[in-house]
PDB file of N, CA and C in Angstrom:
ATOM      1  N   MET A   1     -52.819-143.259  35.853  1.00  0.00           N
ATOM      2  CA  MET A   1     -52.358-142.325  36.842  1.00  0.00           C
ATOM      3  C   MET A   1     -52.345-140.931  36.279  1.00  0.00           C
ATOM      4  N   GLY A   2     -52.697-140.247  35.681  1.00  0.00           N
ATOM      5  CA  GLY A   2     -52.581-138.874  35.224  1.00  0.00           C
ATOM      6  C   GLY A   2     -51.138-138.475  34.945  1.00  0.00           C
ATOM      7  N   GLY A   3     -50.924-137.805  33.909  1.00  0.00           N
ATOM      8  CA  GLY A   3     -49.572-137.380  33.559  1.00  0.00           C
ATOM      9  C   GLY A   3     -49.183-136.105  34.274  1.00  0.00           C
ATOM     10  N   SER A   4     -47.929-135.818  34.185  1.00  0.00           N
ATOM     11  CA  SER A   4     -47.441-134.587  34.797  1.00  0.00           C
ATOM     12  C   SER A   4     -47.771-133.406  33.884  1.00  0.00           C
ATOM     13  N   ALA A   5     -47.496-132.228  34.352  1.00  0.00           N
ATOM     14  CA  ALA A   5     -47.768-131.026  33.571  1.00  0.00           C
ATOM     15  C   ALA A   5     -46.916-130.983  32.311  1.00  0.00           C
ATOM     16  N   LEU A   6     -45.780-131.652  32.316  1.00  0.00           N
ATOM     17  CA  LEU A   6     -44.910-131.662  31.146  1.00  0.00           C
ATOM     18  C   LEU A   6     -45.458-132.544  30.042  1.00  0.00           C
ATOM     19  N   ASP A   7     -46.312-133.517  30.389  1.00  0.00           N
ATOM     20  CA  ASP A   7     -46.861-134.430  29.398  1.00  0.00           C
ATOM     21  C   ASP A   7     -47.996-133.804  28.595  1.00  0.00           C
ATOM     22  N   LYS A   8     -48.628-132.795  29.109  1.00  0.00           N
ATOM     23  CA  LYS A   8     -49.765-132.166  28.434  1.00  0.00           C
ATOM     24  C   LYS A   8     -49.266-131.232  27.342  1.00  0.00           C
ATOM     25  N   GLU A   9     -49.984-131.221  26.237  1.00  0.00           N
ATOM     26  CA  GLU A   9     -49.608-130.360  25.122  1.00  0.00           C
ATOM     27  C   GLU A   9     -50.150-128.960  25.352  1.00  0.00           C
ATOM     28  N   PRO A  10     -49.363-127.949  25.046  1.00  0.00           N
ATOM     29  CA  PRO A  10     -49.870-126.587  25.177  1.00  0.00           C
ATOM     30  C   PRO A  10     -50.878-126.305  24.070  1.00  0.00           C
ATOM     31  N   ASN A  11     -51.765-125.416  24.305  1.00  0.00           N
ATOM     32  CA  ASN A  11     -52.774-125.050  23.321  1.00  0.00           C
ATOM     33  C   ASN A  11     -52.172-124.026  22.368  1.00  0.00           C
ATOM     34  N   ALA A  12     -51.453-124.499  21.338  1.00  0.00           N
ATOM     35  CA  ALA A  12     -50.737-123.630  20.413  1.00  0.00           C
ATOM     36  C   ALA A  12     -51.674-122.978  19.405  1.00  0.00           C
ATOM     37  N   THR A  13     -52.870-123.507  19.227  1.00  0.00           N
ATOM     38  CA  THR A  13     -53.789-122.963  18.237  1.00  0.00           C
ATOM     39  C   THR A  13     -54.686-121.879  18.811  1.00  0.00           C
ATOM     40  N   LYS A  14     -54.444-121.475  20.022  1.00  0.00           N
ATOM     41  CA  LYS A  14     -55.251-120.460  20.682  1.00  0.00           C
ATOM     42  C   LYS A  14     -55.067-119.126  19.959  1.00  0.00           C
ATOM     43  N   PRO A  15     -56.123-118.528  19.452  1.00  0.00           N
ATOM     44  CA  PRO A  15     -55.978-117.257  18.727  1.00  0.00           C
ATOM     45  C   PRO A  15     -55.621-116.130  19.689  1.00  0.00           C
ATOM     46  N   THR A  16     -54.815-115.196  19.200  1.00  0.00           N
ATOM     47  CA  THR A  16     -54.441-114.055  20.021  1.00  0.00           C
ATOM     48  C   THR A  16     -55.388-112.904  19.717  1.00  0.00           C
ATOM     49  N   SER A  17     -55.707-112.136  20.694  1.00  0.00           N
ATOM     50  CA  SER A  17     -56.637-111.023  20.525  1.00  0.00           C
ATOM     51  C   SER A  17     -55.933-109.845  19.856  1.00  0.00           C
ATOM     52  N   ALA A  18     -56.730-108.904  19.417  1.00  0.00           N
ATOM     53  CA  ALA A  18     -56.175-107.706  18.779  1.00  0.00           C
ATOM     54  C   ALA A  18     -55.372-106.892  19.784  1.00  0.00           C
ATOM     55  N   LYS A  19     -55.828-106.865  21.033  1.00  0.00           N
ATOM     56  CA  LYS A  19     -55.083-106.126  22.057  1.00  0.00           C
ATOM     57  C   LYS A  19     -53.731-106.767  22.323  1.00  0.00           C
ATOM     58  N   ALA A  20     -53.685-108.093  22.305  1.00  0.00           N
ATOM     59  CA  ALA A  20     -52.413-108.782  22.526  1.00  0.00           C
ATOM     60  C   ALA A  20     -51.446-108.509  21.387  1.00  0.00           C
ATOM     61  N   GLN A  21     -51.949-108.485  20.166  1.00  0.00           N
ATOM     62  CA  GLN A  21     -51.086-108.198  19.020  1.00  0.00           C
ATOM     63  C   GLN A  21     -50.598-106.752  19.064  1.00  0.00           C
ATOM     64  N   GLN A  22     -51.473-105.834  19.466  1.00  0.00           N
ATOM     65  CA  GLN A  22     -51.091-104.430  19.572  1.00  0.00           C
ATOM     66  C   GLN A  22     -50.034-104.236  20.666  1.00  0.00           C
ATOM     67  N   ALA A  23     -50.194-104.933  21.776  1.00  0.00           N
ATOM     68  CA  ALA A  23     -49.219-104.848  22.857  1.00  0.00           C
ATOM     69  C   ALA A  23     -47.875-105.410  22.420  1.00  0.00           C
ATOM     70  N   LYS A  24     -47.905-106.480  21.643  1.00  0.00           N
ATOM     71  CA  LYS A  24     -46.657-107.071  21.149  1.00  0.00           C
ATOM     72  C   LYS A  24     -45.938-106.106  20.213  1.00  0.00           C
ATOM     73  N   ARG A  25     -46.694-105.441  19.327  1.00  0.00           N
ATOM     74  CA  ARG A  25     -46.078-104.466  18.418  1.00  0.00           C
ATOM     75  C   ARG A  25     -45.489-103.297  19.197  1.00  0.00           C
ATOM     76  N   ALA A  26     -46.203-102.824  20.209  1.00  0.00           N
ATOM     77  CA  ALA A  26     -45.711-101.709  21.017  1.00  0.00           C
ATOM     78  C   ALA A  26     -44.442-102.102  21.766  1.00  0.00           C
ATOM     79  N   PHE A  27     -44.418-103.316  22.301  1.00  0.00           N
ATOM     80  CA  PHE A  27     -43.228-103.791  23.004  1.00  0.00           C
ATOM     81  C   PHE A  27     -42.045-103.890  22.053  1.00  0.00           C
ATOM     82  N   THR A  28     -42.281-104.386  20.847  1.00  0.00           N
ATOM     83  CA  THR A  28     -41.208-104.508  19.859  1.00  0.00           C
ATOM     84  C   THR A  28     -40.672-103.127  19.481  1.00  0.00           C
ATOM     85  N   THR A  29     -41.555-102.148  19.343  1.00  0.00           N
ATOM     86  CA  THR A  29     -41.138-100.789  19.008  1.00  0.00           C
ATOM     87  C   THR A  29     -40.305-100.180  20.125  1.00  0.00           C
ATOM     88  N   VAL A  30     -40.736-100.350  21.363  1.00  0.00           N
ATOM     89  CA  VAL A  30     -39.992 -99.820  22.503  1.00  0.00           C
ATOM     90  C   VAL A  30     -38.635-100.506  22.609  1.00  0.00           C
ATOM     91  N   GLU A  31     -38.622-101.814  22.399  1.00  0.00           N
ATOM     92  CA  GLU A  31     -37.370-102.566  22.459  1.00  0.00           C
ATOM     93  C   GLU A  31     -36.389-102.054  21.422  1.00  0.00           C
ATOM     94  N   LEU A  32     -36.861-101.813  20.215  1.00  0.00           N
ATOM     95  CA  LEU A  32     -36.005-101.309  19.152  1.00  0.00           C
ATOM     96  C   LEU A  32     -35.503 -99.909  19.475  1.00  0.00           C
ATOM     97  N   ALA A  33     -36.371 -99.054  20.003  1.00  0.00           N
ATOM     98  CA  ALA A  33     -35.975 -97.682  20.332  1.00  0.00           C
ATOM     99  C   ALA A  33     -34.924 -97.653  21.440  1.00  0.00           C
ATOM    100  N   LEU A  34     -34.978 -98.586  22.365  1.00  0.00           N
ATOM    101  CA  LEU A  34     -33.987 -98.627  23.437  1.00  0.00           C
ATOM    102  C   LEU A  34     -32.676 -99.266  22.985  1.00  0.00           C
ATOM    103  N   GLU A  35     -32.727-100.089  21.975  1.00  0.00           N
ATOM    104  CA  GLU A  35     -31.547-100.815  21.532  1.00  0.00           C
ATOM    105  C   GLU A  35     -30.693-100.018  20.542  1.00  0.00           C
ATOM    106  N   LEU A  36     -31.310 -99.215  19.696  1.00  0.00           N
ATOM    107  CA  LEU A  36     -30.588 -98.550  18.610  1.00  0.00           C
ATOM    108  C   LEU A  36     -29.492 -97.580  19.067  1.00  0.00           C
ATOM    109  N   PRO A  37     -29.691 -96.763  20.095  1.00  0.00           N
ATOM    110  CA  PRO A  37     -28.587 -95.892  20.519  1.00  0.00           C
ATOM    111  C   PRO A  37     -27.354 -96.683  20.978  1.00  0.00           C
ATOM    112  N   PHE A  38     -27.589 -97.805  21.631  1.00  0.00           N
ATOM    113  CA  PHE A  38     -26.461 -98.622  22.070  1.00  0.00           C
ATOM    114  C   PHE A  38     -25.729 -99.235  20.883  1.00  0.00           C
ATOM    115  N   THR A  39     -26.442 -99.474  19.802  1.00  0.00           N
ATOM    116  CA  THR A  39     -25.817-100.029  18.600  1.00  0.00           C
ATOM    117  C   THR A  39     -24.820 -99.033  18.018  1.00  0.00           C
ATOM    118  N   ILE A  40     -25.232 -97.778  17.887  1.00  0.00           N
ATOM    119  CA  ILE A  40     -24.336 -96.758  17.323  1.00  0.00           C
ATOM    120  C   ILE A  40     -23.159 -96.499  18.259  1.00  0.00           C
ATOM    121  N   VAL A  41     -23.455 -96.249  19.516  1.00  0.00           N
ATOM    122  CA  VAL A  41     -22.401 -95.908  20.480  1.00  0.00           C
ATOM    123  C   VAL A  41     -21.459 -97.088  20.681  1.00  0.00           C
ATOM    124  N   GLY A  42     -22.000 -98.291  20.757  1.00  0.00           N
ATOM    125  CA  GLY A  42     -21.161 -99.474  20.949  1.00  0.00           C
ATOM    126  C   GLY A  42     -20.186 -99.685  19.807  1.00  0.00           C
ATOM    127  N   ALA A  43     -20.666 -99.522  18.579  1.00  0.00           N
ATOM    128  CA  ALA A  43     -19.785 -99.684  17.421  1.00  0.00           C
ATOM    129  C   ALA A  43     -18.704 -98.611  17.404  1.00  0.00           C
ATOM    130  N   MET A  44     -19.078 -97.381  17.742  1.00  0.00           N
ATOM    131  CA  MET A  44     -18.113 -96.293  17.740  1.00  0.00           C
ATOM    132  C   MET A  44     -17.066 -96.475  18.847  1.00  0.00           C
ATOM    133  N   VAL A  45     -17.511 -96.880  20.027  1.00  0.00           N
ATOM    134  CA  VAL A  45     -16.576 -97.096  21.136  1.00  0.00           C
ATOM    135  C   VAL A  45     -15.638 -98.262  20.833  1.00  0.00           C
ATOM    136  N   LEU A  46     -16.180 -99.332  20.271  1.00  0.00           N
ATOM    137  CA  LEU A  46     -15.333-100.477  19.924  1.00  0.00           C
ATOM    138  C   LEU A  46     -14.268-100.077  18.911  1.00  0.00           C
ATOM    139  N   GLY A  47     -14.666 -99.336  17.876  1.00  0.00           N
ATOM    140  CA  GLY A  47     -13.691 -98.861  16.895  1.00  0.00           C
ATOM    141  C   GLY A  47     -12.663 -97.938  17.519  1.00  0.00           C
ATOM    142  N   GLY A  48     -13.109 -97.045  18.397  1.00  0.00           N
ATOM    143  CA  GLY A  48     -12.182 -96.123  19.054  1.00  0.00           C
ATOM    144  C   GLY A  48     -11.198 -96.832  19.960  1.00  0.00           C
ATOM    145  N   VAL A  49     -11.670 -97.829  20.694  1.00  0.00           N
ATOM    146  CA  VAL A  49     -10.774 -98.575  21.589  1.00  0.00           C
ATOM    147  C   VAL A  49      -9.751 -99.373  20.789  1.00  0.00           C
ATOM    148  N   LEU A  50     -10.203-100.013  19.727  1.00  0.00           N
ATOM    149  CA  LEU A  50      -9.249-100.746  18.883  1.00  0.00           C
ATOM    150  C   LEU A  50      -8.236 -99.790  18.255  1.00  0.00           C
ATOM    151  N   GLY A  51      -8.710 -98.624  17.825  1.00  0.00           N
ATOM    152  CA  GLY A  51      -7.807 -97.620  17.276  1.00  0.00           C
ATOM    153  C   GLY A  51      -6.816 -97.125  18.304  1.00  0.00           C
ATOM    154  N   TYR A  52      -7.296 -96.912  19.527  1.00  0.00           N
ATOM    155  CA  TYR A  52      -6.403 -96.470  20.601  1.00  0.00           C
ATOM    156  C   TYR A  52      -5.315 -97.506  20.866  1.00  0.00           C
ATOM    157  N   LEU A  53      -5.714 -98.769  20.894  1.00  0.00           N
ATOM    158  CA  LEU A  53      -4.726 -99.826  21.131  1.00  0.00           C
ATOM    159  C   LEU A  53      -3.694 -99.892  20.008  1.00  0.00           C
ATOM    160  N   LEU A  54      -4.146 -99.713  18.773  1.00  0.00           N
ATOM    161  CA  LEU A  54      -3.195 -99.687  17.659  1.00  0.00           C
ATOM    162  C   LEU A  54      -2.289 -98.458  17.730  1.00  0.00           C
ATOM    163  N   ASP A  55      -2.854 -97.306  18.095  1.00  0.00           N
ATOM    164  CA  ASP A  55      -2.041 -96.103  18.259  1.00  0.00           C
ATOM    165  C   ASP A  55      -1.002 -96.281  19.360  1.00  0.00           C
ATOM    166  N   TYR A  56      -1.398 -96.899  20.455  1.00  0.00           N
ATOM    167  CA  TYR A  56      -0.475 -97.142  21.553  1.00  0.00           C
ATOM    168  C   TYR A  56       0.636 -98.089  21.127  1.00  0.00           C
ATOM    169  N   ARG A  57       0.263 -99.107  20.372  1.00  0.00           N
ATOM    170  CA  ARG A  57       1.244-100.121  19.942  1.00  0.00           C
ATOM    171  C   ARG A  57       2.243 -99.551  18.934  1.00  0.00           C
ATOM    172  N   PHE A  58       1.750 -98.769  17.977  1.00  0.00           N
ATOM    173  CA  PHE A  58       2.612 -98.282  16.889  1.00  0.00           C
ATOM    174  C   PHE A  58       3.032 -96.821  17.058  1.00  0.00           C
ATOM    175  N   HIS A  59       2.655 -96.177  18.172  1.00  0.00           N
ATOM    176  CA  HIS A  59       3.047 -94.796  18.464  1.00  0.00           C
ATOM    177  C   HIS A  59       2.687 -93.861  17.309  1.00  0.00           C
ATOM    178  N   THR A  60       1.428 -93.871  16.911  1.00  0.00           N
ATOM    179  CA  THR A  60       0.995 -93.081  15.758  1.00  0.00           C
ATOM    180  C   THR A  60       0.103 -91.905  16.141  1.00  0.00           C
ATOM    181  N   GLY A  61       0.136 -91.462  17.359  1.00  0.00           N
ATOM    182  CA  GLY A  61      -0.712 -90.337  17.757  1.00  0.00           C
ATOM    183  C   GLY A  61      -2.160 -90.782  17.868  1.00  0.00           C
ATOM    184  N   ARG A  62      -3.059 -90.088  17.185  1.00  0.00           N
ATOM    185  CA  ARG A  62      -4.476 -90.435  17.243  1.00  0.00           C
ATOM    186  C   ARG A  62      -5.031 -90.863  15.890  1.00  0.00           C
ATOM    187  N   ALA A  63      -4.193 -91.237  14.987  1.00  0.00           N
ATOM    188  CA  ALA A  63      -4.645 -91.563  13.635  1.00  0.00           C
ATOM    189  C   ALA A  63      -5.606 -92.744  13.618  1.00  0.00           C
ATOM    190  N   PHE A  64      -5.213 -93.867  14.190  1.00  0.00           N
ATOM    191  CA  PHE A  64      -6.068 -95.047  14.178  1.00  0.00           C
ATOM    192  C   PHE A  64      -7.331 -94.851  15.016  1.00  0.00           C
ATOM    193  N   THR A  65      -7.217 -94.106  16.103  1.00  0.00           N
ATOM    194  CA  THR A  65      -8.391 -93.855  16.945  1.00  0.00           C
ATOM    195  C   THR A  65      -9.461 -93.113  16.156  1.00  0.00           C
ATOM    196  N   LEU A  66      -9.071 -92.073  15.445  1.00  0.00           N
ATOM    197  CA  LEU A  66     -10.028 -91.305  14.665  1.00  0.00           C
ATOM    198  C   LEU A  66     -10.581 -92.106  13.489  1.00  0.00           C
ATOM    199  N   ILE A  67      -9.720 -92.816  12.801  1.00  0.00           N
ATOM    200  CA  ILE A  67     -10.158 -93.577  11.623  1.00  0.00           C
ATOM    201  C   ILE A  67     -11.094 -94.712  12.030  1.00  0.00           C
ATOM    202  N   LEU A  68     -10.684 -95.510  13.000  1.00  0.00           N
ATOM    203  CA  LEU A  68     -11.519 -96.646  13.399  1.00  0.00           C
ATOM    204  C   LEU A  68     -12.765 -96.200  14.171  1.00  0.00           C
ATOM    205  N   GLY A  69     -12.674 -95.115  14.915  1.00  0.00           N
ATOM    206  CA  GLY A  69     -13.861 -94.561  15.570  1.00  0.00           C
ATOM    207  C   GLY A  69     -14.880 -94.087  14.545  1.00  0.00           C
ATOM    208  N   GLY A  70     -14.402 -93.419  13.501  1.00  0.00           N
ATOM    209  CA  GLY A  70     -15.292 -92.991  12.410  1.00  0.00           C
ATOM    210  C   GLY A  70     -15.891 -94.167  11.664  1.00  0.00           C
ATOM    211  N   MET A  71     -15.081 -95.173  11.421  1.00  0.00           N
ATOM    212  CA  MET A  71     -15.593 -96.374  10.749  1.00  0.00           C
ATOM    213  C   MET A  71     -16.620 -97.095  11.627  1.00  0.00           C
ATOM    214  N   GLY A  72     -16.395 -97.093  12.934  1.00  0.00           N
ATOM    215  CA  GLY A  72     -17.359 -97.684  13.849  1.00  0.00           C
ATOM    216  C   GLY A  72     -18.672 -96.924  13.839  1.00  0.00           C
ATOM    217  N   PHE A  73     -18.607 -95.599  13.788  1.00  0.00           N
ATOM    218  CA  PHE A  73     -19.818 -94.790  13.712  1.00  0.00           C
ATOM    219  C   PHE A  73     -20.591 -95.095  12.440  1.00  0.00           C
ATOM    220  N   ILE A  74     -19.898 -95.177  11.327  1.00  0.00           N
ATOM    221  CA  ILE A  74     -20.551 -95.486  10.048  1.00  0.00           C
ATOM    222  C   ILE A  74     -21.170 -96.880  10.079  1.00  0.00           C
ATOM    223  N   ALA A  75     -20.444 -97.836  10.631  1.00  0.00           N
ATOM    224  CA  ALA A  75     -20.977 -99.200  10.729  1.00  0.00           C
ATOM    225  C   ALA A  75     -22.205 -99.250  11.638  1.00  0.00           C
ATOM    226  N   GLY A  76     -22.176 -98.532  12.750  1.00  0.00           N
ATOM    227  CA  GLY A  76     -23.327 -98.481  13.647  1.00  0.00           C
ATOM    228  C   GLY A  76     -24.526 -97.819  12.994  1.00  0.00           C
ATOM    229  N   LEU A  77     -24.283 -96.752  12.255  1.00  0.00           N
ATOM    230  CA  LEU A  77     -25.354 -96.062  11.552  1.00  0.00           C
ATOM    231  C   LEU A  77     -25.974 -96.953  10.478  1.00  0.00           C
ATOM    232  N   ARG A  78     -25.138 -97.671   9.761  1.00  0.00           N
ATOM    233  CA  ARG A  78     -25.651 -98.602   8.746  1.00  0.00           C
ATOM    234  C   ARG A  78     -26.496 -99.701   9.381  1.00  0.00           C
ATOM    235  N   GLU A  79     -26.091-100.181  10.536  1.00  0.00           N
ATOM    236  CA  GLU A  79     -26.853-101.223  11.234  1.00  0.00           C
ATOM    237  C   GLU A  79     -28.206-100.683  11.692  1.00  0.00           C
ATOM    238  N   VAL A  80     -28.228 -99.457  12.180  1.00  0.00           N
ATOM    239  CA  VAL A  80     -29.493 -98.850  12.598  1.00  0.00           C
ATOM    240  C   VAL A  80     -30.428 -98.695  11.391  1.00  0.00           C
ATOM    241  N   ILE A  81     -29.906 -98.216  10.295  1.00  0.00           N
ATOM    242  CA  ILE A  81     -30.733 -98.050   9.088  1.00  0.00           C
ATOM    243  C   ILE A  81     -31.227 -99.400   8.600  1.00  0.00           C
ATOM    244  N   ARG A  82     -30.381-100.427   8.661  1.00  0.00           N
ATOM    245  CA  ARG A  82     -30.789-101.756   8.237  1.00  0.00           C
ATOM    246  C   ARG A  82     -31.929-102.290   9.110  1.00  0.00           C
ATOM    247  N   ARG A  83     -31.874-102.038  10.404  1.00  0.00           N
ATOM    248  CA  ARG A  83     -32.926-102.521  11.296  1.00  0.00           C
ATOM    249  C   ARG A  83     -34.219-101.744  11.152  1.00  0.00           C
ATOM    250  N   LEU A  84     -34.136-100.486  10.761  1.00  0.00           N
ATOM    251  CA  LEU A  84     -35.341 -99.673  10.617  1.00  0.00           C
ATOM    252  C   LEU A  84     -36.058 -99.903   9.294  1.00  0.00           C
ATOM    253  N   THR A  85     -35.372-100.442   8.323  1.00  0.00           N
ATOM    254  CA  THR A  85     -36.030-100.694   7.029  1.00  0.00           C
ATOM    255  C   THR A  85     -36.434-102.117   6.857  1.00  0.00           C
TER     256      THR A  85
END
């Protein structure tokens, strides 16, 4: 009786063309360029929010917000550098 489409093996040994490889590299580059700003901003915002919550809890003004926001910025920057190298 013929098998279903799930029974057939995909052709995994099919060579990819140079254009396909170039398109994949371009897509990866664009993906990285769109992701990196969110990495820095996300880390900084997360640190700032945690700092704000600690400041609110312990009534310390803006000390924790500035410290943890700065640490978040540094952590985000380190992550961006790690991904680019």
